[in-house]
Every structure is written in structure tokens, then in C-alpha cells.
Amino acid sequence: MSLDMSSFGSAIASARKKKGWSQKELAARIVKEEDHAAITPQYLNDIEHNRRSPTSTYLVKQFARVLDIDADVLFAVIGMLPEKERKLVSRSTPDAVGEAFIAFRKKLGG
């Protein structure tokens, strides 16, 4: 079973199903940064049905770690740059950033 990368929610749902976990089982493994409490199954259901997106890079990294997915893949699917790349962008020129995205699109065949 390959990972459905059409959306963040689809990627999470397909990775969860590949592991044979219920939403309740996965939700219990994902903790929030602010209070280290597990997310609710309803919040996970909303993510999987693309009604909500994770609000922090911490949650994206949690999903990646628990589901054995490269975090960069999840950041790409959600359309979010990881923190280290955001720092690189902030120190770069607009032209350099544009060139980097052109190279990125070429690499992926777009």
C-alpha cells in the first residue's frame, strides 16, 4: 500500500491504515506541544477528512515520527516549509528563493 499524497489528511489516513491502527489508536500516540496531551480522535478525524490542518510544525513532526514518514514529505504535502528551510529563506534574496523553487519543480518533473 503506497502513501496517498493528494492531501495531508489522505497521507495520514493511508499511513494509519497501513499500520492497521484505528483513529483512536493513532490519536493516542500524537501529543500536543503545549500540554503534552494526546489529540482527540475527533481532531484526527477532521485532519483525515481535510476539515482541519495541524497548527504547528511540532504536530507535523509528531505525525511523521509516529507513522514512520519523512517529515519533509508531510511538510511538502501540507504546503508548509520546515523551520530550517524558513530560516534559509529569511536569509536569502528573493531571486535565490525563486531559483530554488524552479529547481525544486524541475526535480519533481513539473
PDB file of N, CA and C in Angstrom:
ATOM      1  N   MET A   1       0.855  -1.180   0.000  1.00  0.00           N
ATOM      2  CA  MET A   1       0.000   0.000   0.000  1.00  0.00           C
ATOM      3  C   MET A   1       0.894   1.234   0.000  1.00  0.00           C
ATOM      4  N   SER A   2       0.726   2.086  -0.981  1.00  0.00           N
ATOM      5  CA  SER A   2       1.538   3.296  -1.051  1.00  0.00           C
ATOM      6  C   SER A   2       0.829   4.428  -0.320  1.00  0.00           C
ATOM      7  N   LEU A   3       1.592   5.459  -0.028  1.00  0.00           N
ATOM      8  CA  LEU A   3       1.060   6.612   0.681  1.00  0.00           C
ATOM      9  C   LEU A   3       0.290   7.506  -0.284  1.00  0.00           C
ATOM     10  N   ASP A   4      -0.956   7.835   0.048  1.00  0.00           N
ATOM     11  CA  ASP A   4      -1.767   8.750  -0.749  1.00  0.00           C
ATOM     12  C   ASP A   4      -1.341  10.168  -0.393  1.00  0.00           C
ATOM     13  N   MET A   5      -0.670  10.846  -1.304  1.00  0.00           N
ATOM     14  CA  MET A   5      -0.142  12.172  -1.029  1.00  0.00           C
ATOM     15  C   MET A   5      -0.987  13.268  -1.650  1.00  0.00           C
ATOM     16  N   SER A   6      -2.258  13.008  -1.909  1.00  0.00           N
ATOM     17  CA  SER A   6      -3.126  14.021  -2.505  1.00  0.00           C
ATOM     18  C   SER A   6      -3.459  15.147  -1.525  1.00  0.00           C
ATOM     19  N   SER A   7      -3.360  14.874  -0.227  1.00  0.00           N
ATOM     20  CA  SER A   7      -3.557  15.893   0.805  1.00  0.00           C
ATOM     21  C   SER A   7      -2.903  15.387   2.083  1.00  0.00           C
ATOM     22  N   PHE A   8      -2.720  16.284   3.038  1.00  0.00           N
ATOM     23  CA  PHE A   8      -2.149  15.882   4.320  1.00  0.00           C
ATOM     24  C   PHE A   8      -3.043  14.839   4.986  1.00  0.00           C
ATOM     25  N   GLY A   9      -4.343  15.097   5.000  1.00  0.00           N
ATOM     26  CA  GLY A   9      -5.267  14.159   5.619  1.00  0.00           C
ATOM     27  C   GLY A   9      -5.236  12.786   4.977  1.00  0.00           C
ATOM     28  N   SER A  10      -5.146  12.755   3.649  1.00  0.00           N
ATOM     29  CA  SER A  10      -5.076  11.476   2.938  1.00  0.00           C
ATOM     30  C   SER A  10      -3.786  10.736   3.261  1.00  0.00           C
ATOM     31  N   ALA A  11      -2.686  11.478   3.356  1.00  0.00           N
ATOM     32  CA  ALA A  11      -1.397  10.858   3.694  1.00  0.00           C
ATOM     33  C   ALA A  11      -1.453  10.242   5.087  1.00  0.00           C
ATOM     34  N   ILE A  12      -2.023  10.979   6.031  1.00  0.00           N
ATOM     35  CA  ILE A  12      -2.130  10.482   7.402  1.00  0.00           C
ATOM     36  C   ILE A  12      -3.043   9.256   7.452  1.00  0.00           C
ATOM     37  N   ALA A  13      -4.188   9.341   6.807  1.00  0.00           N
ATOM     38  CA  ALA A  13      -5.146   8.226   6.823  1.00  0.00           C
ATOM     39  C   ALA A  13      -4.548   6.977   6.184  1.00  0.00           C
ATOM     40  N   SER A  14      -3.877   7.136   5.051  1.00  0.00           N
ATOM     41  CA  SER A  14      -3.326   5.948   4.389  1.00  0.00           C
ATOM     42  C   SER A  14      -2.183   5.344   5.198  1.00  0.00           C
ATOM     43  N   ALA A  15      -1.351   6.176   5.829  1.00  0.00           N
ATOM     44  CA  ALA A  15      -0.258   5.654   6.665  1.00  0.00           C
ATOM     45  C   ALA A  15      -0.816   4.955   7.909  1.00  0.00           C
ATOM     46  N   ARG A  16      -1.869   5.523   8.486  1.00  0.00           N
ATOM     47  CA  ARG A  16      -2.510   4.905   9.660  1.00  0.00           C
ATOM     48  C   ARG A  16      -3.089   3.541   9.299  1.00  0.00           C
ATOM     49  N   LYS A  17      -3.786   3.486   8.187  1.00  0.00           N
ATOM     50  CA  LYS A  17      -4.398   2.215   7.763  1.00  0.00           C
ATOM     51  C   LYS A  17      -3.332   1.182   7.433  1.00  0.00           C
ATOM     52  N   LYS A  18      -2.233   1.632   6.860  1.00  0.00           N
ATOM     53  CA  LYS A  18      -1.126   0.720   6.544  1.00  0.00           C
ATOM     54  C   LYS A  18      -0.600   0.053   7.812  1.00  0.00           C
ATOM     55  N   LYS A  19      -0.620   0.784   8.917  1.00  0.00           N
ATOM     56  CA  LYS A  19      -0.173   0.238  10.199  1.00  0.00           C
ATOM     57  C   LYS A  19      -1.271  -0.585  10.890  1.00  0.00           C
ATOM     58  N   GLY A  20      -2.485  -0.510  10.365  1.00  0.00           N
ATOM     59  CA  GLY A  20      -3.585  -1.263  10.951  1.00  0.00           C
ATOM     60  C   GLY A  20      -4.149  -0.639  12.215  1.00  0.00           C
ATOM     61  N   TRP A  21      -3.964   0.669  12.368  1.00  0.00           N
ATOM     62  CA  TRP A  21      -4.435   1.368  13.560  1.00  0.00           C
ATOM     63  C   TRP A  21      -5.782   2.037  13.316  1.00  0.00           C
ATOM     64  N   SER A  22      -6.561   2.126  14.372  1.00  0.00           N
ATOM     65  CA  SER A  22      -7.789   2.916  14.331  1.00  0.00           C
ATOM     66  C   SER A  22      -7.422   4.383  14.541  1.00  0.00           C
ATOM     67  N   GLN A  23      -8.374   5.256  14.292  1.00  0.00           N
ATOM     68  CA  GLN A  23      -8.131   6.675  14.564  1.00  0.00           C
ATOM     69  C   GLN A  23      -7.863   6.890  16.051  1.00  0.00           C
ATOM     70  N   LYS A  24      -8.568   6.169  16.886  1.00  0.00           N
ATOM     71  CA  LYS A  24      -8.370   6.295  18.332  1.00  0.00           C
ATOM     72  C   LYS A  24      -6.954   5.891  18.720  1.00  0.00           C
ATOM     73  N   GLU A  25      -6.439   4.820  18.114  1.00  0.00           N
ATOM     74  CA  GLU A  25      -5.079   4.369  18.427  1.00  0.00           C
ATOM     75  C   GLU A  25      -4.031   5.390  17.986  1.00  0.00           C
ATOM     76  N   LEU A  26      -4.201   5.944  16.788  1.00  0.00           N
ATOM     77  CA  LEU A  26      -3.234   6.941  16.327  1.00  0.00           C
ATOM     78  C   LEU A  26      -3.338   8.212  17.162  1.00  0.00           C
ATOM     79  N   ALA A  27      -4.537   8.670  17.423  1.00  0.00           N
ATOM     80  CA  ALA A  27      -4.716   9.906  18.197  1.00  0.00           C
ATOM     81  C   ALA A  27      -4.021   9.807  19.556  1.00  0.00           C
ATOM     82  N   ALA A  28      -4.060   8.645  20.170  1.00  0.00           N
ATOM     83  CA  ALA A  28      -3.423   8.462  21.481  1.00  0.00           C
ATOM     84  C   ALA A  28      -1.906   8.594  21.410  1.00  0.00           C
ATOM     85  N   ARG A  29      -1.330   8.428  20.229  1.00  0.00           N
ATOM     86  CA  ARG A  29       0.123   8.499  20.059  1.00  0.00           C
ATOM     87  C   ARG A  29       0.630   9.896  19.680  1.00  0.00           C
ATOM     88  N   ILE A  30      -0.276  10.790  19.315  1.00  0.00           N
ATOM     89  CA  ILE A  30       0.106  12.140  18.879  1.00  0.00           C
ATOM     90  C   ILE A  30      -0.170  13.114  20.024  1.00  0.00           C
ATOM     91  N   VAL A  31       0.881  13.769  20.508  1.00  0.00           N
ATOM     92  CA  VAL A  31       0.708  14.691  21.628  1.00  0.00           C
ATOM     93  C   VAL A  31       0.945  16.129  21.198  1.00  0.00           C
ATOM     94  N   LYS A  32       0.211  17.020  21.849  1.00  0.00           N
ATOM     95  CA  LYS A  32       0.341  18.448  21.588  1.00  0.00           C
ATOM     96  C   LYS A  32       1.543  18.997  22.345  1.00  0.00           C
ATOM     97  N   GLU A  33       2.176  19.988  21.760  1.00  0.00           N
ATOM     98  CA  GLU A  33       3.373  20.576  22.359  1.00  0.00           C
ATOM     99  C   GLU A  33       3.056  21.318  23.656  1.00  0.00           C
ATOM    100  N   GLU A  34       1.954  22.038  23.662  1.00  0.00           N
ATOM    101  CA  GLU A  34       1.677  22.926  24.795  1.00  0.00           C
ATOM    102  C   GLU A  34       1.383  22.197  26.100  1.00  0.00           C
ATOM    103  N   ASP A  35       0.691  21.060  26.040  1.00  0.00           N
ATOM    104  CA  ASP A  35       0.357  20.373  27.292  1.00  0.00           C
ATOM    105  C   ASP A  35       0.716  18.885  27.275  1.00  0.00           C
ATOM    106  N   HIS A  36       1.291  18.427  26.200  1.00  0.00           N
ATOM    107  CA  HIS A  36       1.705  17.025  26.033  1.00  0.00           C
ATOM    108  C   HIS A  36       0.547  16.043  26.205  1.00  0.00           C
ATOM    109  N   ALA A  37      -0.656  16.534  25.987  1.00  0.00           N
ATOM    110  CA  ALA A  37      -1.836  15.671  25.998  1.00  0.00           C
ATOM    111  C   ALA A  37      -2.062  15.147  24.585  1.00  0.00           C
ATOM    112  N   ALA A  38      -2.633  13.979  24.487  1.00  0.00           N
ATOM    113  CA  ALA A  38      -2.924  13.388  23.180  1.00  0.00           C
ATOM    114  C   ALA A  38      -4.007  14.198  22.472  1.00  0.00           C
ATOM    115  N   ILE A  39      -3.934  14.199  21.149  1.00  0.00           N
ATOM    116  CA  ILE A  39      -5.009  14.825  20.379  1.00  0.00           C
ATOM    117  C   ILE A  39      -6.246  13.945  20.480  1.00  0.00           C
ATOM    118  N   THR A  40      -7.379  14.503  20.182  1.00  0.00           N
ATOM    119  CA  THR A  40      -8.616  13.716  20.263  1.00  0.00           C
ATOM    120  C   THR A  40      -8.847  12.969  18.954  1.00  0.00           C
ATOM    121  N   PRO A  41      -9.541  11.844  19.013  1.00  0.00           N
ATOM    122  CA  PRO A  41      -9.902  11.147  17.779  1.00  0.00           C
ATOM    123  C   PRO A  41     -10.709  12.040  16.830  1.00  0.00           C
ATOM    124  N   GLN A  42     -11.548  12.930  17.372  1.00  0.00           N
ATOM    125  CA  GLN A  42     -12.327  13.841  16.519  1.00  0.00           C
ATOM    126  C   GLN A  42     -11.416  14.793  15.765  1.00  0.00           C
ATOM    127  N   TYR A  43     -10.375  15.324  16.433  1.00  0.00           N
ATOM    128  CA  TYR A  43      -9.416  16.214  15.771  1.00  0.00           C
ATOM    129  C   TYR A  43      -8.709  15.451  14.648  1.00  0.00           C
ATOM    130  N   LEU A  44      -8.299  14.207  14.921  1.00  0.00           N
ATOM    131  CA  LEU A  44      -7.661  13.382  13.887  1.00  0.00           C
ATOM    132  C   LEU A  44      -8.632  13.135  12.733  1.00  0.00           C
ATOM    133  N   ASN A  45      -9.893  12.846  13.052  1.00  0.00           N
ATOM    134  CA  ASN A  45     -10.890  12.629  12.010  1.00  0.00           C
ATOM    135  C   ASN A  45     -11.025  13.874  11.135  1.00  0.00           C
ATOM    136  N   ASP A  46     -11.037  15.041  11.759  1.00  0.00           N
ATOM    137  CA  ASP A  46     -11.113  16.296  10.999  1.00  0.00           C
ATOM    138  C   ASP A  46      -9.888  16.472  10.098  1.00  0.00           C
ATOM    139  N   ILE A  47      -8.711  16.107  10.588  1.00  0.00           N
ATOM    140  CA  ILE A  47      -7.496  16.189   9.772  1.00  0.00           C
ATOM    141  C   ILE A  47      -7.603  15.231   8.587  1.00  0.00           C
ATOM    142  N   GLU A  48      -7.974  13.988   8.863  1.00  0.00           N
ATOM    143  CA  GLU A  48      -8.041  12.985   7.799  1.00  0.00           C
ATOM    144  C   GLU A  48      -9.079  13.330   6.738  1.00  0.00           C
ATOM    145  N   HIS A  49     -10.103  14.079   7.108  1.00  0.00           N
ATOM    146  CA  HIS A  49     -11.133  14.483   6.143  1.00  0.00           C
ATOM    147  C   HIS A  49     -10.919  15.905   5.639  1.00  0.00           C
ATOM    148  N   ASN A  50      -9.719  16.426   5.870  1.00  0.00           N
ATOM    149  CA  ASN A  50      -9.294  17.735   5.354  1.00  0.00           C
ATOM    150  C   ASN A  50     -10.183  18.890   5.821  1.00  0.00           C
ATOM    151  N   ARG A  51     -10.750  18.734   7.010  1.00  0.00           N
ATOM    152  CA  ARG A  51     -11.515  19.826   7.602  1.00  0.00           C
ATOM    153  C   ARG A  51     -10.633  20.699   8.487  1.00  0.00           C
ATOM    154  N   ARG A  52      -9.495  20.148   8.911  1.00  0.00           N
ATOM    155  CA  ARG A  52      -8.528  20.874   9.727  1.00  0.00           C
ATOM    156  C   ARG A  52      -7.133  20.479   9.294  1.00  0.00           C
ATOM    157  N   SER A  53      -6.190  21.353   9.596  1.00  0.00           N
ATOM    158  CA  SER A  53      -4.774  21.080   9.352  1.00  0.00           C
ATOM    159  C   SER A  53      -4.036  21.234  10.666  1.00  0.00           C
ATOM    160  N   PRO A  54      -2.923  20.518  10.823  1.00  0.00           N
ATOM    161  CA  PRO A  54      -2.155  20.715  12.052  1.00  0.00           C
ATOM    162  C   PRO A  54      -1.697  22.171  12.135  1.00  0.00           C
ATOM    163  N   THR A  55      -1.726  22.704  13.320  1.00  0.00           N
ATOM    164  CA  THR A  55      -1.452  24.125  13.510  1.00  0.00           C
ATOM    165  C   THR A  55       0.009  24.433  13.796  1.00  0.00           C
ATOM    166  N   SER A  56       0.839  23.413  13.924  1.00  0.00           N
ATOM    167  CA  SER A  56       2.240  23.664  14.259  1.00  0.00           C
ATOM    168  C   SER A  56       3.155  22.653  13.581  1.00  0.00           C
ATOM    169  N   THR A  57       4.396  23.058  13.429  1.00  0.00           N
ATOM    170  CA  THR A  57       5.396  22.130  12.896  1.00  0.00           C
ATOM    171  C   THR A  57       5.592  20.971  13.868  1.00  0.00           C
ATOM    172  N   TYR A  58       5.395  21.226  15.150  1.00  0.00           N
ATOM    173  CA  TYR A  58       5.529  20.170  16.158  1.00  0.00           C
ATOM    174  C   TYR A  58       4.574  19.019  15.859  1.00  0.00           C
ATOM    175  N   LEU A  59       3.314  19.323  15.553  1.00  0.00           N
ATOM    176  CA  LEU A  59       2.346  18.263  15.256  1.00  0.00           C
ATOM    177  C   LEU A  59       2.702  17.524  13.975  1.00  0.00           C
ATOM    178  N   VAL A  60       3.152  18.244  12.963  1.00  0.00           N
ATOM    179  CA  VAL A  60       3.560  17.585  11.722  1.00  0.00           C
ATOM    180  C   VAL A  60       4.684  16.595  12.019  1.00  0.00           C
ATOM    181  N   LYS A  61       5.651  17.025  12.821  1.00  0.00           N
ATOM    182  CA  LYS A  61       6.773  16.143  13.181  1.00  0.00           C
ATOM    183  C   LYS A  61       6.295  14.950  14.005  1.00  0.00           C
ATOM    184  N   GLN A  62       5.288  15.151  14.859  1.00  0.00           N
ATOM    185  CA  GLN A  62       4.718  14.049  15.636  1.00  0.00           C
ATOM    186  C   GLN A  62       4.123  12.994  14.703  1.00  0.00           C
ATOM    187  N   PHE A  63       3.310  13.440  13.750  1.00  0.00           N
ATOM    188  CA  PHE A  63       2.721  12.505  12.791  1.00  0.00           C
ATOM    189  C   PHE A  63       3.818  11.763  12.026  1.00  0.00           C
ATOM    190  N   ALA A  64       4.839  12.484  11.587  1.00  0.00           N
ATOM    191  CA  ALA A  64       5.932  11.855  10.835  1.00  0.00           C
ATOM    192  C   ALA A  64       6.629  10.783  11.662  1.00  0.00           C
ATOM    193  N   ARG A  65       6.956  11.116  12.895  1.00  0.00           N
ATOM    194  CA  ARG A  65       7.675  10.168  13.767  1.00  0.00           C
ATOM    195  C   ARG A  65       6.830   8.930  14.043  1.00  0.00           C
ATOM    196  N   VAL A  66       5.590   9.138  14.429  1.00  0.00           N
ATOM    197  CA  VAL A  66       4.720   8.023  14.814  1.00  0.00           C
ATOM    198  C   VAL A  66       4.385   7.135  13.618  1.00  0.00           C
ATOM    199  N   LEU A  67       4.213   7.742  12.454  1.00  0.00           N
ATOM    200  CA  LEU A  67       3.805   6.973  11.268  1.00  0.00           C
ATOM    201  C   LEU A  67       4.984   6.549  10.381  1.00  0.00           C
ATOM    202  N   ASP A  68       6.207   6.849  10.816  1.00  0.00           N
ATOM    203  CA  ASP A  68       7.407   6.495  10.044  1.00  0.00           C
ATOM    204  C   ASP A  68       7.393   7.081   8.636  1.00  0.00           C
ATOM    205  N   ILE A  69       7.086   8.374   8.570  1.00  0.00           N
ATOM    206  CA  ILE A  69       7.079   9.103   7.305  1.00  0.00           C
ATOM    207  C   ILE A  69       8.118  10.207   7.423  1.00  0.00           C
ATOM    208  N   ASP A  70       8.866  10.444   6.375  1.00  0.00           N
ATOM    209  CA  ASP A  70       9.818  11.544   6.387  1.00  0.00           C
ATOM    210  C   ASP A  70       9.051  12.846   6.613  1.00  0.00           C
ATOM    211  N   ALA A  71       9.449  13.609   7.613  1.00  0.00           N
ATOM    212  CA  ALA A  71       8.748  14.850   7.941  1.00  0.00           C
ATOM    213  C   ALA A  71       8.728  15.815   6.759  1.00  0.00           C
ATOM    214  N   ASP A  72       9.810  15.850   5.974  1.00  0.00           N
ATOM    215  CA  ASP A  72       9.845  16.749   4.821  1.00  0.00           C
ATOM    216  C   ASP A  72       8.741  16.425   3.827  1.00  0.00           C
ATOM    217  N   VAL A  73       8.403  15.143   3.700  1.00  0.00           N
ATOM    218  CA  VAL A  73       7.317  14.742   2.805  1.00  0.00           C
ATOM    219  C   VAL A  73       5.992  15.324   3.304  1.00  0.00           C
ATOM    220  N   LEU A  74       5.745  15.212   4.606  1.00  0.00           N
ATOM    221  CA  LEU A  74       4.500  15.760   5.150  1.00  0.00           C
ATOM    222  C   LEU A  74       4.469  17.277   5.046  1.00  0.00           C
ATOM    223  N   PHE A  75       5.600  17.929   5.283  1.00  0.00           N
ATOM    224  CA  PHE A  75       5.634  19.390   5.131  1.00  0.00           C
ATOM    225  C   PHE A  75       5.317  19.778   3.687  1.00  0.00           C
ATOM    226  N   ALA A  76       5.829  19.022   2.733  1.00  0.00           N
ATOM    227  CA  ALA A  76       5.560  19.321   1.322  1.00  0.00           C
ATOM    228  C   ALA A  76       4.087  19.127   0.999  1.00  0.00           C
ATOM    229  N   VAL A  77       3.496  18.042   1.493  1.00  0.00           N
ATOM    230  CA  VAL A  77       2.092  17.758   1.210  1.00  0.00           C
ATOM    231  C   VAL A  77       1.194  18.836   1.804  1.00  0.00           C
ATOM    232  N   ILE A  78       1.532  19.311   2.992  1.00  0.00           N
ATOM    233  CA  ILE A  78       0.687  20.313   3.643  1.00  0.00           C
ATOM    234  C   ILE A  78       0.962  21.722   3.108  1.00  0.00           C
ATOM    235  N   GLY A  79       2.049  21.863   2.353  1.00  0.00           N
ATOM    236  CA  GLY A  79       2.376  23.174   1.810  1.00  0.00           C
ATOM    237  C   GLY A  79       3.042  24.079   2.829  1.00  0.00           C
ATOM    238  N   MET A  80       3.814  23.488   3.706  1.00  0.00           N
ATOM    239  CA  MET A  80       4.469  24.230   4.783  1.00  0.00           C
ATOM    240  C   MET A  80       5.972  23.968   4.705  1.00  0.00           C
ATOM    241  N   LEU A  81       6.761  25.009   4.796  1.00  0.00           N
ATOM    242  CA  LEU A  81       8.203  24.818   4.829  1.00  0.00           C
ATOM    243  C   LEU A  81       8.638  24.453   6.243  1.00  0.00           C
ATOM    244  N   PRO A  82       9.515  23.460   6.376  1.00  0.00           N
ATOM    245  CA  PRO A  82      10.048  23.156   7.708  1.00  0.00           C
ATOM    246  C   PRO A  82      10.821  24.363   8.243  1.00  0.00           C
ATOM    247  N   GLU A  83      10.974  24.423   9.550  1.00  0.00           N
ATOM    248  CA  GLU A  83      11.613  25.565  10.205  1.00  0.00           C
ATOM    249  C   GLU A  83      12.999  25.865   9.649  1.00  0.00           C
ATOM    250  N   LYS A  84      13.818  24.833   9.408  1.00  0.00           N
ATOM    251  CA  LYS A  84      15.180  25.090   8.920  1.00  0.00           C
ATOM    252  C   LYS A  84      15.162  25.743   7.536  1.00  0.00           C
ATOM    253  N   GLU A  85      14.204  25.370   6.678  1.00  0.00           N
ATOM    254  CA  GLU A  85      14.102  25.995   5.362  1.00  0.00           C
ATOM    255  C   GLU A  85      13.555  27.414   5.460  1.00  0.00           C
ATOM    256  N   ARG A  86      12.625  27.655   6.396  1.00  0.00           N
ATOM    257  CA  ARG A  86      12.127  29.015   6.592  1.00  0.00           C
ATOM    258  C   ARG A  86      13.261  29.945   7.008  1.00  0.00           C
ATOM    259  N   LYS A  87      14.184  29.439   7.826  1.00  0.00           N
ATOM    260  CA  LYS A  87      15.331  30.248   8.235  1.00  0.00           C
ATOM    261  C   LYS A  87      16.229  30.542   7.041  1.00  0.00           C
ATOM    262  N   LEU A  88      16.411  29.552   6.168  1.00  0.00           N
ATOM    263  CA  LEU A  88      17.218  29.775   4.964  1.00  0.00           C
ATOM    264  C   LEU A  88      16.570  30.833   4.074  1.00  0.00           C
ATOM    265  N   VAL A  89      15.263  30.758   3.932  1.00  0.00           N
ATOM    266  CA  VAL A  89      14.541  31.735   3.111  1.00  0.00           C
ATOM    267  C   VAL A  89      14.718  33.134   3.688  1.00  0.00           C
ATOM    268  N   SER A  90      14.626  33.251   4.993  1.00  0.00           N
ATOM    269  CA  SER A  90      14.714  34.572   5.619  1.00  0.00           C
ATOM    270  C   SER A  90      16.092  35.209   5.433  1.00  0.00           C
ATOM    271  N   ARG A  91      17.117  34.381   5.188  1.00  0.00           N
ATOM    272  CA  ARG A  91      18.474  34.906   4.986  1.00  0.00           C
ATOM    273  C   ARG A  91      18.838  35.022   3.512  1.00  0.00           C
ATOM    274  N   SER A  92      17.911  34.692   2.627  1.00  0.00           N
ATOM    275  CA  SER A  92      18.190  34.672   1.192  1.00  0.00           C
ATOM    276  C   SER A  92      17.572  35.877   0.494  1.00  0.00           C
ATOM    277  N   THR A  93      17.931  36.023  -0.764  1.00  0.00           N
ATOM    278  CA  THR A  93      17.323  37.073  -1.583  1.00  0.00           C
ATOM    279  C   THR A  93      16.089  36.509  -2.280  1.00  0.00           C
ATOM    280  N   PRO A  94      15.168  37.364  -2.690  1.00  0.00           N
ATOM    281  CA  PRO A  94      14.005  36.877  -3.441  1.00  0.00           C
ATOM    282  C   PRO A  94      14.412  36.097  -4.694  1.00  0.00           C
ATOM    283  N   ASP A  95      15.458  36.550  -5.386  1.00  0.00           N
ATOM    284  CA  ASP A  95      15.904  35.841  -6.584  1.00  0.00           C
ATOM    285  C   ASP A  95      16.392  34.430  -6.250  1.00  0.00           C
ATOM    286  N   ALA A  96      17.142  34.295  -5.156  1.00  0.00           N
ATOM    287  CA  ALA A  96      17.659  32.977  -4.765  1.00  0.00           C
ATOM    288  C   ALA A  96      16.513  32.036  -4.400  1.00  0.00           C
ATOM    289  N   VAL A  97      15.515  32.553  -3.721  1.00  0.00           N
ATOM    290  CA  VAL A  97      14.357  31.731  -3.353  1.00  0.00           C
ATOM    291  C   VAL A  97      13.611  31.289  -4.615  1.00  0.00           C
ATOM    292  N   GLY A  98      13.424  32.216  -5.540  1.00  0.00           N
ATOM    293  CA  GLY A  98      12.766  31.876  -6.802  1.00  0.00           C
ATOM    294  C   GLY A  98      13.516  30.806  -7.574  1.00  0.00           C
ATOM    295  N   GLU A  99      14.832  30.922  -7.637  1.00  0.00           N
ATOM    296  CA  GLU A  99      15.656  29.925  -8.327  1.00  0.00           C
ATOM    297  C   GLU A  99      15.557  28.561  -7.639  1.00  0.00           C
ATOM    298  N   ALA A 100      15.501  28.570  -6.322  1.00  0.00           N
ATOM    299  CA  ALA A 100      15.389  27.308  -5.584  1.00  0.00           C
ATOM    300  C   ALA A 100      14.069  26.606  -5.905  1.00  0.00           C
ATOM    301  N   PHE A 101      12.990  27.376  -6.001  1.00  0.00           N
ATOM    302  CA  PHE A 101      11.696  26.762  -6.312  1.00  0.00           C
ATOM    303  C   PHE A 101      11.637  26.284  -7.764  1.00  0.00           C
ATOM    304  N   ILE A 102      12.305  26.973  -8.667  1.00  0.00           N
ATOM    305  CA  ILE A 102      12.392  26.499 -10.054  1.00  0.00           C
ATOM    306  C   ILE A 102      13.112  25.160 -10.094  1.00  0.00           C
ATOM    307  N   ALA A 103      14.226  25.047  -9.365  1.00  0.00           N
ATOM    308  CA  ALA A 103      14.980  23.785  -9.313  1.00  0.00           C
ATOM    309  C   ALA A 103      14.137  22.685  -8.677  1.00  0.00           C
ATOM    310  N   PHE A 104      13.383  23.027  -7.652  1.00  0.00           N
ATOM    311  CA  PHE A 104      12.513  22.074  -6.970  1.00  0.00           C
ATOM    312  C   PHE A 104      11.461  21.523  -7.943  1.00  0.00           C
ATOM    313  N   ARG A 105      10.810  22.410  -8.685  1.00  0.00           N
ATOM    314  CA  ARG A 105       9.791  21.968  -9.654  1.00  0.00           C
ATOM    315  C   ARG A 105      10.398  21.091 -10.738  1.00  0.00           C
ATOM    316  N   LYS A 106      11.578  21.461 -11.215  1.00  0.00           N
ATOM    317  CA  LYS A 106      12.246  20.660 -12.246  1.00  0.00           C
ATOM    318  C   LYS A 106      12.553  19.262 -11.727  1.00  0.00           C
ATOM    319  N   LYS A 107      13.019  19.183 -10.498  1.00  0.00           N
ATOM    320  CA  LYS A 107      13.369  17.894  -9.903  1.00  0.00           C
ATOM    321  C   LYS A 107      12.166  16.980  -9.809  1.00  0.00           C
ATOM    322  N   LEU A 108      11.006  17.569  -9.517  1.00  0.00           N
ATOM    323  CA  LEU A 108       9.787  16.769  -9.381  1.00  0.00           C
ATOM    324  C   LEU A 108       9.047  16.586 -10.719  1.00  0.00           C
ATOM    325  N   GLY A 109       9.603  17.117 -11.773  1.00  0.00           N
ATOM    326  CA  GLY A 109       9.014  16.905 -13.089  1.00  0.00           C
ATOM    327  C   GLY A 109       7.917  17.872 -13.436  1.00  0.00           C
ATOM    328  N   GLY A 110       7.866  19.008 -12.778  1.00  0.00           N
ATOM    329  CA  GLY A 110       6.793  19.961 -13.058  1.00  0.00           C
ATOM    330  C   GLY A 110       7.332  21.158 -13.689  1.00  0.00           C
TER     331      GLY A 110
END
